[in-house]
C-alpha atoms as a PDB file:
ATOM      1  CA  MET A   1      -1.874  10.910  -7.627  1.00  0.00           C
ATOM      2  CA  VAL A   2       0.708  12.092 -10.155  1.00  0.00           C
ATOM      3  CA  ARG A   3       2.027   8.535 -10.449  1.00  0.00           C
ATOM      4  CA  GLU A   4      -1.478   7.182 -11.017  1.00  0.00           C
ATOM      5  CA  LEU A   5      -2.171   9.769 -13.701  1.00  0.00           C
ATOM      6  CA  ALA A   6       1.167   9.027 -15.364  1.00  0.00           C
ATOM      7  CA  ASP A   7       0.329   5.317 -15.295  1.00  0.00           C
ATOM      8  CA  ASP A   8      -2.906   6.202 -17.124  1.00  0.00           C
ATOM      9  CA  GLY A   9      -0.935   7.959 -19.865  1.00  0.00           C
ATOM     10  CA  ILE A  10      -1.131  11.555 -18.628  1.00  0.00           C
ATOM     11  CA  ASP A  11       2.128  13.482 -19.046  1.00  0.00           C
ATOM     12  CA  VAL A  12       3.904  13.944 -15.682  1.00  0.00           C
ATOM     13  CA  ALA A  13       4.444  17.664 -16.359  1.00  0.00           C
ATOM     14  CA  VAL A  14       0.718  18.168 -16.997  1.00  0.00           C
ATOM     15  CA  ALA A  15      -0.292  16.137 -13.932  1.00  0.00           C
ATOM     16  CA  CYS A  16       2.116  18.095 -11.715  1.00  0.00           C
ATOM     17  CA  ARG A  17       0.882  21.435 -13.059  1.00  0.00           C
ATOM     18  CA  VAL A  18      -2.796  20.525 -12.552  1.00  0.00           C
ATOM     19  CA  LEU A  19      -2.155  19.199  -9.030  1.00  0.00           C
ATOM     20  CA  GLY A  20       0.112  22.079  -8.091  1.00  0.00           C
ATOM     21  CA  VAL A  21       3.265  20.104  -7.329  1.00  0.00           C
ATOM     22  CA  SER A  22       6.725  20.519  -8.773  1.00  0.00           C
ATOM     23  CA  ARG A  23       8.119  17.889 -11.120  1.00  0.00           C
ATOM     24  CA  SER A  24      11.374  17.841  -9.164  1.00  0.00           C
ATOM     25  CA  GLY A  25       9.418  17.223  -5.945  1.00  0.00           C
ATOM     26  CA  PHE A  26       7.495  14.402  -7.575  1.00  0.00           C
ATOM     27  CA  TYR A  27      10.642  12.708  -8.849  1.00  0.00           C
ATOM     28  CA  GLU A  28      12.386  13.179  -5.487  1.00  0.00           C
ATOM     29  CA  TRP A  29       9.411  11.519  -3.754  1.00  0.00           C
ATOM     30  CA  LYS A  30       9.211   8.758  -6.385  1.00  0.00           C
ATOM     31  CA  ASP A  31      12.875   7.831  -6.060  1.00  0.00           C
ATOM     32  CA  ARG A  32      12.888   7.923  -2.253  1.00  0.00           C
ATOM     33  CA  PRO A  33      13.623   4.586  -0.556  1.00  0.00           C
ATOM     34  CA  VAL A  34      10.784   2.857   1.262  1.00  0.00           C
ATOM     35  CA  SER A  35      10.481   4.145   4.829  1.00  0.00           C
ATOM     36  CA  ALA A  36      10.864   1.941   7.888  1.00  0.00           C
ATOM     37  CA  ARG A  37       7.150   2.473   8.645  1.00  0.00           C
ATOM     38  CA  GLU A  38       6.118   1.329   5.159  1.00  0.00           C
ATOM     39  CA  GLN A  39       8.350  -1.748   5.499  1.00  0.00           C
ATOM     40  CA  GLU A  40       6.782  -2.570   8.860  1.00  0.00           C
ATOM     41  CA  ASN A  41       3.274  -2.086   7.465  1.00  0.00           C
ATOM     42  CA  GLU A  42       4.067  -4.463   4.597  1.00  0.00           C
ATOM     43  CA  MET A  43       5.435  -7.063   7.029  1.00  0.00           C
ATOM     44  CA  LEU A  44       2.337  -6.776   9.233  1.00  0.00           C
ATOM     45  CA  LEU A  45       0.043  -7.082   6.214  1.00  0.00           C
ATOM     46  CA  ARG A  46       1.777 -10.300   5.093  1.00  0.00           C
ATOM     47  CA  TYR A  47       1.543 -11.662   8.661  1.00  0.00           C
ATOM     48  CA  ILE A  48      -2.177 -10.846   8.894  1.00  0.00           C
ATOM     49  CA  GLU A  49      -2.864 -12.424   5.500  1.00  0.00           C
ATOM     50  CA  LYS A  50      -0.968 -15.558   6.560  1.00  0.00           C
ATOM     51  CA  ILE A  51      -2.973 -15.844   9.783  1.00  0.00           C
ATOM     52  CA  HIS A  52      -6.237 -15.252   7.940  1.00  0.00           C
ATOM     53  CA  ALA A  53      -5.421 -17.974   5.408  1.00  0.00           C
ATOM     54  CA  ASP A  54      -4.655 -20.556   8.127  1.00  0.00           C
ATOM     55  CA  PRO A  55      -7.788 -22.737   8.415  1.00  0.00           C
ATOM     56  CA  ARG A  56      -6.941 -23.632  12.029  1.00  0.00           C
ATOM     57  CA  LYS A  57      -7.165 -19.964  13.041  1.00  0.00           C
ATOM     58  CA  LYS A  58     -10.746 -19.435  11.885  1.00  0.00           C
ATOM     59  CA  THR A  59     -12.153 -19.641  15.378  1.00  0.00           C
ATOM     60  CA  TYR A  60     -14.140 -17.040  17.213  1.00  0.00           C
ATOM     61  CA  GLY A  61     -15.257 -16.852  20.806  1.00  0.00           C
ATOM     62  CA  SER A  62     -15.020 -19.890  23.044  1.00  0.00           C
ATOM     63  CA  PRO A  63     -12.887 -22.885  22.026  1.00  0.00           C
ATOM     64  CA  GLY A  64     -14.704 -25.299  19.771  1.00  0.00           C
ATOM     65  CA  TYR A  65     -16.775 -22.668  18.014  1.00  0.00           C
ATOM     66  CA  THR A  66     -15.588 -22.326  14.437  1.00  0.00           C
ATOM     67  CA  LEU A  67     -16.742 -20.082  11.648  1.00  0.00           C
ATOM     68  CA  SER A  68     -18.033 -21.847   8.585  1.00  0.00           C
END
């Protein structure tokens, strides 16, 4: 939320104070590398989007029935 407020032009110090978080904690979180779980989620999302975009995969139910 602090990052979103900062992106909207709100001073980070003000956003942290209002939300009750420390600036040092915010910057530590912001600079943290992406976790293995987040990387896996991103990979799965790209895979799902690829499958969804494949016109041959738009089938449902028994073979031969396609969604239009």
